[in-house]
Structure formats: C-alpha cells, structure tokens
PDB file of N, CA and C in Angstrom:
ATOM      1  N   MET A   1       9.101 -10.716   2.512  1.00  0.00           N
ATOM      2  CA  MET A   1       9.584 -11.694   1.576  1.00  0.00           C
ATOM      3  C   MET A   1       9.873 -10.990   0.257  1.00  0.00           C
ATOM      4  N   SER A   2      10.936 -11.348  -0.399  1.00  0.00           N
ATOM      5  CA  SER A   2      11.309 -10.792  -1.693  1.00  0.00           C
ATOM      6  C   SER A   2      11.559 -11.914  -2.684  1.00  0.00           C
ATOM      7  N   SER A   3      11.354 -11.594  -3.952  1.00  0.00           N
ATOM      8  CA  SER A   3      11.612 -12.550  -5.012  1.00  0.00           C
ATOM      9  C   SER A   3      11.891 -11.774  -6.290  1.00  0.00           C
ATOM     10  N   THR A   4      12.526 -12.423  -7.248  1.00  0.00           N
ATOM     11  CA  THR A   4      12.723 -11.821  -8.556  1.00  0.00           C
ATOM     12  C   THR A   4      12.076 -12.729  -9.598  1.00  0.00           C
ATOM     13  N   ILE A   5      11.222 -12.123 -10.424  1.00  0.00           N
ATOM     14  CA  ILE A   5      10.532 -12.854 -11.474  1.00  0.00           C
ATOM     15  C   ILE A   5      10.871 -12.149 -12.780  1.00  0.00           C
ATOM     16  N   ASP A   6      11.601 -12.831 -13.651  1.00  0.00           N
ATOM     17  CA  ASP A   6      12.100 -12.217 -14.886  1.00  0.00           C
ATOM     18  C   ASP A   6      12.830 -10.930 -14.516  1.00  0.00           C
ATOM     19  N   GLU A   7      12.395  -9.784 -15.061  1.00  0.00           N
ATOM     20  CA  GLU A   7      13.083  -8.525 -14.767  1.00  0.00           C
ATOM     21  C   GLU A   7      12.425  -7.748 -13.625  1.00  0.00           C
ATOM     22  N   TYR A   8      11.530  -8.381 -12.884  1.00  0.00           N
ATOM     23  CA  TYR A   8      10.826  -7.683 -11.808  1.00  0.00           C
ATOM     24  C   TYR A   8      11.252  -8.191 -10.443  1.00  0.00           C
ATOM     25  N   HIS A   9      11.554  -7.244  -9.554  1.00  0.00           N
ATOM     26  CA  HIS A   9      11.813  -7.575  -8.156  1.00  0.00           C
ATOM     27  C   HIS A   9      10.513  -7.327  -7.408  1.00  0.00           C
ATOM     28  N   VAL A  10      10.094  -8.295  -6.602  1.00  0.00           N
ATOM     29  CA  VAL A  10       8.803  -8.218  -5.922  1.00  0.00           C
ATOM     30  C   VAL A  10       9.011  -8.355  -4.421  1.00  0.00           C
ATOM     31  N   ASP A  11       8.434  -7.432  -3.653  1.00  0.00           N
ATOM     32  CA  ASP A  11       8.461  -7.495  -2.183  1.00  0.00           C
ATOM     33  C   ASP A  11       7.036  -7.623  -1.672  1.00  0.00           C
ATOM     34  N   PHE A  12       6.845  -8.481  -0.665  1.00  0.00           N
ATOM     35  CA  PHE A  12       5.567  -8.640   0.006  1.00  0.00           C
ATOM     36  C   PHE A  12       5.719  -8.151   1.439  1.00  0.00           C
ATOM     37  N   VAL A  13       4.784  -7.304   1.895  1.00  0.00           N
ATOM     38  CA  VAL A  13       4.868  -6.738   3.241  1.00  0.00           C
ATOM     39  C   VAL A  13       3.489  -6.784   3.888  1.00  0.00           C
ATOM     40  N   LEU A  14       3.448  -7.078   5.179  1.00  0.00           N
ATOM     41  CA  LEU A  14       2.222  -6.964   5.958  1.00  0.00           C
ATOM     42  C   LEU A  14       2.343  -5.678   6.772  1.00  0.00           C
ATOM     43  N   LEU A  15       1.506  -4.697   6.453  1.00  0.00           N
ATOM     44  CA  LEU A  15       1.545  -3.393   7.113  1.00  0.00           C
ATOM     45  C   LEU A  15       0.409  -3.311   8.123  1.00  0.00           C
ATOM     46  N   THR A  16       0.746  -2.990   9.374  1.00  0.00           N
ATOM     47  CA  THR A  16      -0.249  -2.818  10.422  1.00  0.00           C
ATOM     48  C   THR A  16      -0.285  -1.351  10.833  1.00  0.00           C
ATOM     49  N   LEU A  17      -1.489  -0.792  10.846  1.00  0.00           N
ATOM     50  CA  LEU A  17      -1.694   0.586  11.284  1.00  0.00           C
ATOM     51  C   LEU A  17      -2.580   0.570  12.520  1.00  0.00           C
ATOM     52  N   MET A  18      -2.096   1.169  13.575  1.00  0.00           N
ATOM     53  CA  MET A  18      -2.883   1.271  14.801  1.00  0.00           C
ATOM     54  C   MET A  18      -4.038   2.248  14.572  1.00  0.00           C
ATOM     55  N   PRO A  19      -5.077   2.220  15.431  1.00  0.00           N
ATOM     56  CA  PRO A  19      -6.212   3.124  15.244  1.00  0.00           C
ATOM     57  C   PRO A  19      -5.764   4.580  15.091  1.00  0.00           C
ATOM     58  N   HIS A  20      -6.271   5.236  14.068  1.00  0.00           N
ATOM     59  CA  HIS A  20      -6.026   6.652  13.767  1.00  0.00           C
ATOM     60  C   HIS A  20      -4.590   6.962  13.362  1.00  0.00           C
ATOM     61  N   ALA A  21      -3.773   5.938  13.117  1.00  0.00           N
ATOM     62  CA  ALA A  21      -2.381   6.159  12.685  1.00  0.00           C
ATOM     63  C   ALA A  21      -2.362   6.610  11.228  1.00  0.00           C
ATOM     64  N   GLN A  22      -1.375   7.444  10.919  1.00  0.00           N
ATOM     65  CA  GLN A  22      -1.191   7.915   9.546  1.00  0.00           C
ATOM     66  C   GLN A  22       0.290   7.897   9.231  1.00  0.00           C
ATOM     67  N   ARG A  23       0.642   7.356   8.089  1.00  0.00           N
ATOM     68  CA  ARG A  23       2.029   7.364   7.648  1.00  0.00           C
ATOM     69  C   ARG A  23       2.279   8.627   6.848  1.00  0.00           C
ATOM     70  N   ALA A  24       3.516   9.055   6.818  1.00  0.00           N
ATOM     71  CA  ALA A  24       3.888  10.214   6.016  1.00  0.00           C
ATOM     72  C   ALA A  24       3.744   9.868   4.537  1.00  0.00           C
ATOM     73  N   SER A  25       3.529  10.864   3.719  1.00  0.00           N
ATOM     74  CA  SER A  25       3.430  10.668   2.278  1.00  0.00           C
ATOM     75  C   SER A  25       4.794  10.229   1.741  1.00  0.00           C
ATOM     76  N   VAL A  26       4.780   9.197   0.892  1.00  0.00           N
ATOM     77  CA  VAL A  26       6.018   8.656   0.323  1.00  0.00           C
ATOM     78  C   VAL A  26       5.853   8.459  -1.179  1.00  0.00           C
ATOM     79  N   GLN A  27       6.963   8.228  -1.852  1.00  0.00           N
ATOM     80  CA  GLN A  27       6.986   7.847  -3.253  1.00  0.00           C
ATOM     81  C   GLN A  27       8.012   6.732  -3.392  1.00  0.00           C
ATOM     82  N   THR A  28       7.707   5.732  -4.200  1.00  0.00           N
ATOM     83  CA  THR A  28       8.650   4.653  -4.445  1.00  0.00           C
ATOM     84  C   THR A  28       8.777   4.443  -5.948  1.00  0.00           C
ATOM     85  N   ASP A  29       9.860   3.847  -6.354  1.00  0.00           N
ATOM     86  CA  ASP A  29      10.098   3.564  -7.764  1.00  0.00           C
ATOM     87  C   ASP A  29       9.545   2.176  -8.074  1.00  0.00           C
ATOM     88  N   ALA A  30       8.224   2.053  -7.934  1.00  0.00           N
ATOM     89  CA  ALA A  30       7.582   0.749  -8.092  1.00  0.00           C
ATOM     90  C   ALA A  30       6.116   0.941  -8.434  1.00  0.00           C
ATOM     91  N   TYR A  31       5.480  -0.170  -8.742  1.00  0.00           N
ATOM     92  CA  TYR A  31       4.028  -0.229  -8.737  1.00  0.00           C
ATOM     93  C   TYR A  31       3.665  -0.893  -7.423  1.00  0.00           C
ATOM     94  N   GLU A  32       2.512  -0.525  -6.856  1.00  0.00           N
ATOM     95  CA  GLU A  32       2.106  -1.102  -5.584  1.00  0.00           C
ATOM     96  C   GLU A  32       0.685  -1.643  -5.674  1.00  0.00           C
ATOM     97  N   PHE A  33       0.488  -2.783  -5.032  1.00  0.00           N
ATOM     98  CA  PHE A  33      -0.828  -3.379  -4.860  1.00  0.00           C
ATOM     99  C   PHE A  33      -1.086  -3.441  -3.364  1.00  0.00           C
ATOM    100  N   LYS A  34      -2.239  -2.947  -2.927  1.00  0.00           N
ATOM    101  CA  LYS A  34      -2.619  -2.984  -1.514  1.00  0.00           C
ATOM    102  C   LYS A  34      -3.926  -3.748  -1.397  1.00  0.00           C
ATOM    103  N   TYR A  35      -3.989  -4.663  -0.429  1.00  0.00           N
ATOM    104  CA  TYR A  35      -5.205  -5.408  -0.137  1.00  0.00           C
ATOM    105  C   TYR A  35      -5.507  -5.228   1.345  1.00  0.00           C
ATOM    106  N   ILE A  36      -6.689  -4.722   1.653  1.00  0.00           N
ATOM    107  CA  ILE A  36      -7.061  -4.467   3.055  1.00  0.00           C
ATOM    108  C   ILE A  36      -7.543  -5.777   3.674  1.00  0.00           C
ATOM    109  N   LEU A  37      -6.792  -6.272   4.644  1.00  0.00           N
ATOM    110  CA  LEU A  37      -7.154  -7.509   5.334  1.00  0.00           C
ATOM    111  C   LEU A  37      -8.183  -7.250   6.424  1.00  0.00           C
ATOM    112  N   LYS A  38      -7.994  -6.122   7.145  1.00  0.00           N
ATOM    113  CA  LYS A  38      -8.968  -5.750   8.174  1.00  0.00           C
ATOM    114  C   LYS A  38      -8.835  -4.260   8.468  1.00  0.00           C
ATOM    115  N   GLY A  39      -9.922  -3.677   8.955  1.00  0.00           N
ATOM    116  CA  GLY A  39      -9.923  -2.272   9.307  1.00  0.00           C
ATOM    117  C   GLY A  39     -10.496  -1.395   8.213  1.00  0.00           C
ATOM    118  N   LYS A  40     -10.384  -0.081   8.420  1.00  0.00           N
ATOM    119  CA  LYS A  40     -10.885   0.927   7.484  1.00  0.00           C
ATOM    120  C   LYS A  40      -9.786   1.958   7.267  1.00  0.00           C
ATOM    121  N   VAL A  41      -9.426   2.172   6.012  1.00  0.00           N
ATOM    122  CA  VAL A  41      -8.276   2.998   5.666  1.00  0.00           C
ATOM    123  C   VAL A  41      -8.673   4.038   4.619  1.00  0.00           C
ATOM    124  N   ALA A  42      -8.214   5.266   4.815  1.00  0.00           N
ATOM    125  CA  ALA A  42      -8.301   6.294   3.779  1.00  0.00           C
ATOM    126  C   ALA A  42      -6.935   6.296   3.099  1.00  0.00           C
ATOM    127  N   TYR A  43      -6.913   5.968   1.816  1.00  0.00           N
ATOM    128  CA  TYR A  43      -5.642   5.887   1.095  1.00  0.00           C
ATOM    129  C   TYR A  43      -5.587   7.032   0.094  1.00  0.00           C
ATOM    130  N   THR A  44      -4.616   7.936   0.288  1.00  0.00           N
ATOM    131  CA  THR A  44      -4.471   9.083  -0.589  1.00  0.00           C
ATOM    132  C   THR A  44      -3.343   8.835  -1.583  1.00  0.00           C
ATOM    133  N   ILE A  45      -3.668   9.021  -2.859  1.00  0.00           N
ATOM    134  CA  ILE A  45      -2.690   8.916  -3.934  1.00  0.00           C
ATOM    135  C   ILE A  45      -2.776  10.220  -4.711  1.00  0.00           C
ATOM    136  N   ALA A  46      -1.669  10.973  -4.701  1.00  0.00           N
ATOM    137  CA  ALA A  46      -1.644  12.309  -5.305  1.00  0.00           C
ATOM    138  C   ALA A  46      -2.734  13.147  -4.656  1.00  0.00           C
ATOM    139  N   GLU A  47      -3.724  13.583  -5.390  1.00  0.00           N
ATOM    140  CA  GLU A  47      -4.781  14.447  -4.849  1.00  0.00           C
ATOM    141  C   GLU A  47      -6.087  13.709  -4.592  1.00  0.00           C
ATOM    142  N   GLU A  48      -6.100  12.381  -4.795  1.00  0.00           N
ATOM    143  CA  GLU A  48      -7.344  11.615  -4.660  1.00  0.00           C
ATOM    144  C   GLU A  48      -7.286  10.688  -3.449  1.00  0.00           C
ATOM    145  N   THR A  49      -8.394  10.612  -2.697  1.00  0.00           N
ATOM    146  CA  THR A  49      -8.471   9.758  -1.519  1.00  0.00           C
ATOM    147  C   THR A  49      -9.521   8.675  -1.731  1.00  0.00           C
ATOM    148  N   PHE A  50      -9.142   7.437  -1.408  1.00  0.00           N
ATOM    149  CA  PHE A  50     -10.013   6.276  -1.541  1.00  0.00           C
ATOM    150  C   PHE A  50     -10.315   5.736  -0.145  1.00  0.00           C
ATOM    151  N   ILE A  51     -11.578   5.526   0.179  1.00  0.00           N
ATOM    152  CA  ILE A  51     -11.964   4.916   1.452  1.00  0.00           C
ATOM    153  C   ILE A  51     -12.063   3.417   1.208  1.00  0.00           C
ATOM    154  N   MET A  52     -11.269   2.650   1.972  1.00  0.00           N
ATOM    155  CA  MET A  52     -11.153   1.218   1.738  1.00  0.00           C
ATOM    156  C   MET A  52     -11.414   0.438   3.021  1.00  0.00           C
ATOM    157  N   GLU A  53     -12.078  -0.709   2.876  1.00  0.00           N
ATOM    158  CA  GLU A  53     -12.357  -1.600   4.003  1.00  0.00           C
ATOM    159  C   GLU A  53     -11.902  -3.008   3.652  1.00  0.00           C
ATOM    160  N   ALA A  54     -11.979  -3.903   4.620  1.00  0.00           N
ATOM    161  CA  ALA A  54     -11.545  -5.286   4.417  1.00  0.00           C
ATOM    162  C   ALA A  54     -12.121  -5.848   3.125  1.00  0.00           C
ATOM    163  N   GLY A  55     -11.242  -6.431   2.304  1.00  0.00           N
ATOM    164  CA  GLY A  55     -11.638  -7.009   1.035  1.00  0.00           C
ATOM    165  C   GLY A  55     -11.404  -6.097  -0.156  1.00  0.00           C
ATOM    166  N   ASP A  56     -11.171  -4.804   0.102  1.00  0.00           N
ATOM    167  CA  ASP A  56     -10.892  -3.866  -0.984  1.00  0.00           C
ATOM    168  C   ASP A  56      -9.412  -3.916  -1.362  1.00  0.00           C
ATOM    169  N   SER A  57      -9.131  -3.568  -2.625  1.00  0.00           N
ATOM    170  CA  SER A  57      -7.737  -3.523  -3.075  1.00  0.00           C
ATOM    171  C   SER A  57      -7.552  -2.353  -4.030  1.00  0.00           C
ATOM    172  N   ILE A  58      -6.276  -1.993  -4.221  1.00  0.00           N
ATOM    173  CA  ILE A  58      -5.931  -0.903  -5.122  1.00  0.00           C
ATOM    174  C   ILE A  58      -4.558  -1.195  -5.720  1.00  0.00           C
ATOM    175  N   PHE A  59      -4.367  -0.805  -6.969  1.00  0.00           N
ATOM    176  CA  PHE A  59      -3.101  -0.974  -7.674  1.00  0.00           C
ATOM    177  C   PHE A  59      -2.770   0.362  -8.309  1.00  0.00           C
ATOM    178  N   PHE A  60      -1.532   0.857  -8.116  1.00  0.00           N
ATOM    179  CA  PHE A  60      -1.197   2.185  -8.617  1.00  0.00           C
ATOM    180  C   PHE A  60       0.302   2.342  -8.842  1.00  0.00           C
ATOM    181  N   ASP A  61       0.637   3.390  -9.586  1.00  0.00           N
ATOM    182  CA  ASP A  61       2.016   3.779  -9.831  1.00  0.00           C
ATOM    183  C   ASP A  61       2.499   4.554  -8.610  1.00  0.00           C
ATOM    184  N   ALA A  62       3.396   3.972  -7.854  1.00  0.00           N
ATOM    185  CA  ALA A  62       3.827   4.542  -6.572  1.00  0.00           C
ATOM    186  C   ALA A  62       4.838   5.674  -6.700  1.00  0.00           C
ATOM    187  N   THR A  63       5.129   6.098  -7.936  1.00  0.00           N
ATOM    188  CA  THR A  63       5.944   7.301  -8.076  1.00  0.00           C
ATOM    189  C   THR A  63       5.109   8.531  -7.711  1.00  0.00           C
ATOM    190  N   GLU A  64       3.780   8.357  -7.641  1.00  0.00           N
ATOM    191  CA  GLU A  64       2.882   9.411  -7.143  1.00  0.00           C
ATOM    192  C   GLU A  64       2.959   9.429  -5.617  1.00  0.00           C
ATOM    193  N   PRO A  65       2.924  10.604  -4.983  1.00  0.00           N
ATOM    194  CA  PRO A  65       2.908  10.654  -3.516  1.00  0.00           C
ATOM    195  C   PRO A  65       1.668   9.916  -2.992  1.00  0.00           C
ATOM    196  N   HIS A  66       1.863   9.116  -1.956  1.00  0.00           N
ATOM    197  CA  HIS A  66       0.747   8.340  -1.410  1.00  0.00           C
ATOM    198  C   HIS A  66       0.949   8.082   0.080  1.00  0.00           C
ATOM    199  N   ASN A  67      -0.174   7.896   0.777  1.00  0.00           N
ATOM    200  CA  ASN A  67      -0.097   7.542   2.193  1.00  0.00           C
ATOM    201  C   ASN A  67      -1.425   6.981   2.690  1.00  0.00           C
ATOM    202  N   PRO A  68      -1.342   6.020   3.613  1.00  0.00           N
ATOM    203  CA  PRO A  68      -2.547   5.469   4.226  1.00  0.00           C
ATOM    204  C   PRO A  68      -2.802   6.108   5.589  1.00  0.00           C
ATOM    205  N   LYS A  69      -4.071   6.168   5.933  1.00  0.00           N
ATOM    206  CA  LYS A  69      -4.469   6.626   7.266  1.00  0.00           C
ATOM    207  C   LYS A  69      -5.550   5.678   7.772  1.00  0.00           C
ATOM    208  N   ASN A  70      -5.337   5.128   8.965  1.00  0.00           N
ATOM    209  CA  ASN A  70      -6.346   4.278   9.584  1.00  0.00           C
ATOM    210  C   ASN A  70      -7.446   5.203  10.111  1.00  0.00           C
ATOM    211  N   ILE A  71      -8.639   5.115   9.538  1.00  0.00           N
ATOM    212  CA  ILE A  71      -9.736   5.984   9.967  1.00  0.00           C
ATOM    213  C   ILE A  71     -10.730   5.245  10.854  1.00  0.00           C
ATOM    214  N   GLY A  72     -10.347   4.066  11.301  1.00  0.00           N
ATOM    215  CA  GLY A  72     -11.211   3.283  12.175  1.00  0.00           C
ATOM    216  C   GLY A  72     -10.742   3.317  13.623  1.00  0.00           C
ATOM    217  N   ASP A  73     -11.517   2.667  14.473  1.00  0.00           N
ATOM    218  CA  ASP A  73     -11.189   2.591  15.897  1.00  0.00           C
ATOM    219  C   ASP A  73     -10.459   1.297  16.238  1.00  0.00           C
ATOM    220  N   ALA A  74     -10.172   0.481  15.235  1.00  0.00           N
ATOM    221  CA  ALA A  74      -9.463  -0.786  15.443  1.00  0.00           C
ATOM    222  C   ALA A  74      -8.226  -0.814  14.555  1.00  0.00           C
ATOM    223  N   GLU A  75      -7.332  -1.741  14.851  1.00  0.00           N
ATOM    224  CA  GLU A  75      -6.128  -1.937  14.050  1.00  0.00           C
ATOM    225  C   GLU A  75      -6.507  -2.260  12.602  1.00  0.00           C
ATOM    226  N   ALA A  76      -5.738  -1.747  11.651  1.00  0.00           N
ATOM    227  CA  ALA A  76      -5.927  -2.075  10.237  1.00  0.00           C
ATOM    228  C   ALA A  76      -4.703  -2.849   9.754  1.00  0.00           C
ATOM    229  N   GLN A  77      -4.935  -3.818   8.882  1.00  0.00           N
ATOM    230  CA  GLN A  77      -3.831  -4.577   8.289  1.00  0.00           C
ATOM    231  C   GLN A  77      -3.970  -4.574   6.780  1.00  0.00           C
ATOM    232  N   LEU A  78      -2.841  -4.324   6.113  1.00  0.00           N
ATOM    233  CA  LEU A  78      -2.801  -4.299   4.660  1.00  0.00           C
ATOM    234  C   LEU A  78      -1.724  -5.252   4.172  1.00  0.00           C
ATOM    235  N   LEU A  79      -2.059  -6.037   3.178  1.00  0.00           N
ATOM    236  CA  LEU A  79      -1.061  -6.828   2.472  1.00  0.00           C
ATOM    237  C   LEU A  79      -0.571  -5.936   1.337  1.00  0.00           C
ATOM    238  N   VAL A  80       0.740  -5.709   1.281  1.00  0.00           N
ATOM    239  CA  VAL A  80       1.323  -4.792   0.304  1.00  0.00           C
ATOM    240  C   VAL A  80       2.257  -5.570  -0.618  1.00  0.00           C
ATOM    241  N   LEU A  81       2.111  -5.338  -1.903  1.00  0.00           N
ATOM    242  CA  LEU A  81       2.976  -5.952  -2.906  1.00  0.00           C
ATOM    243  C   LEU A  81       3.652  -4.826  -3.675  1.00  0.00           C
ATOM    244  N   TYR A  82       4.991  -4.782  -3.614  1.00  0.00           N
ATOM    245  CA  TYR A  82       5.788  -3.814  -4.371  1.00  0.00           C
ATOM    246  C   TYR A  82       6.350  -4.521  -5.594  1.00  0.00           C
ATOM    247  N   ILE A  83       6.201  -3.921  -6.762  1.00  0.00           N
ATOM    248  CA  ILE A  83       6.712  -4.517  -7.997  1.00  0.00           C
ATOM    249  C   ILE A  83       7.699  -3.530  -8.625  1.00  0.00           C
ATOM    250  N   PHE A  84       8.983  -3.868  -8.558  1.00  0.00           N
ATOM    251  CA  PHE A  84      10.048  -3.030  -9.085  1.00  0.00           C
ATOM    252  C   PHE A  84      10.527  -3.593 -10.413  1.00  0.00           C
ATOM    253  N   ASN A  85      10.689  -2.745 -11.415  1.00  0.00           N
ATOM    254  CA  ASN A  85      11.260  -3.166 -12.684  1.00  0.00           C
ATOM    255  C   ASN A  85      12.775  -3.015 -12.568  1.00  0.00           C
ATOM    256  N   THR A  86      13.487  -4.120 -12.593  1.00  0.00           N
ATOM    257  CA  THR A  86      14.941  -4.084 -12.442  1.00  0.00           C
ATOM    258  C   THR A  86      15.585  -4.260 -13.815  1.00  0.00           C
ATOM    259  N   PRO A  87      16.481  -3.343 -14.196  1.00  0.00           N
ATOM    260  CA  PRO A  87      17.121  -3.461 -15.514  1.00  0.00           C
ATOM    261  C   PRO A  87      18.004  -4.702 -15.588  1.00  0.00           C
ATOM    262  N   LYS A  88      18.030  -5.302 -16.756  1.00  0.00           N
ATOM    263  CA  LYS A  88      18.879  -6.499 -16.951  1.00  0.00           C
ATOM    264  C   LYS A  88      20.266  -6.092 -17.324  1.00  0.00           C
TER     265      LYS A  88
END
C-alpha cells in the first residue's frame, strides 16, 4: 500500500523471511521503520547488528547499507514502513 502525506511518500510492506533466509544488503533513499510480527531476525545496519524478536521495532536512515537475516527455525514476518521525502 502506498500513500502521500504532505511532502512524504509512504509505502507499507509485509516482508516474510523463510527460516535462515538472508536478503542482500541494500540502500534506499528513505527512512525505514521495521516491526517484527513474528520470528527472530538479525538486522544489520552499516556495521551494527541488532537481534530482534516479535514485538521489537527499529527506525533508521536507509541510505546506510542494511539487511535482515532470519536466524530462527520458523518463518519471520516484518511490517515495513518506507518514508520517502518527495520534493514539491
């Protein structure tokens, strides 16, 4: 789902990671909010890694390289919010 609020474009995504899955490191021109719905995830942002479980959240500048890795034996689900500043 996408929406525009004032000068911000906002995308909502439900990300599912299978057990032991890891996404490649990416960078986006946005701020990102991640909320762990279920599972256990190691989330690396630049050189720092955060161990996150259901109920944990993180907000960061996504111009930094980042990637999630499911470190559990079950599926992990993350609610992801991308916040893009769109010029007027």
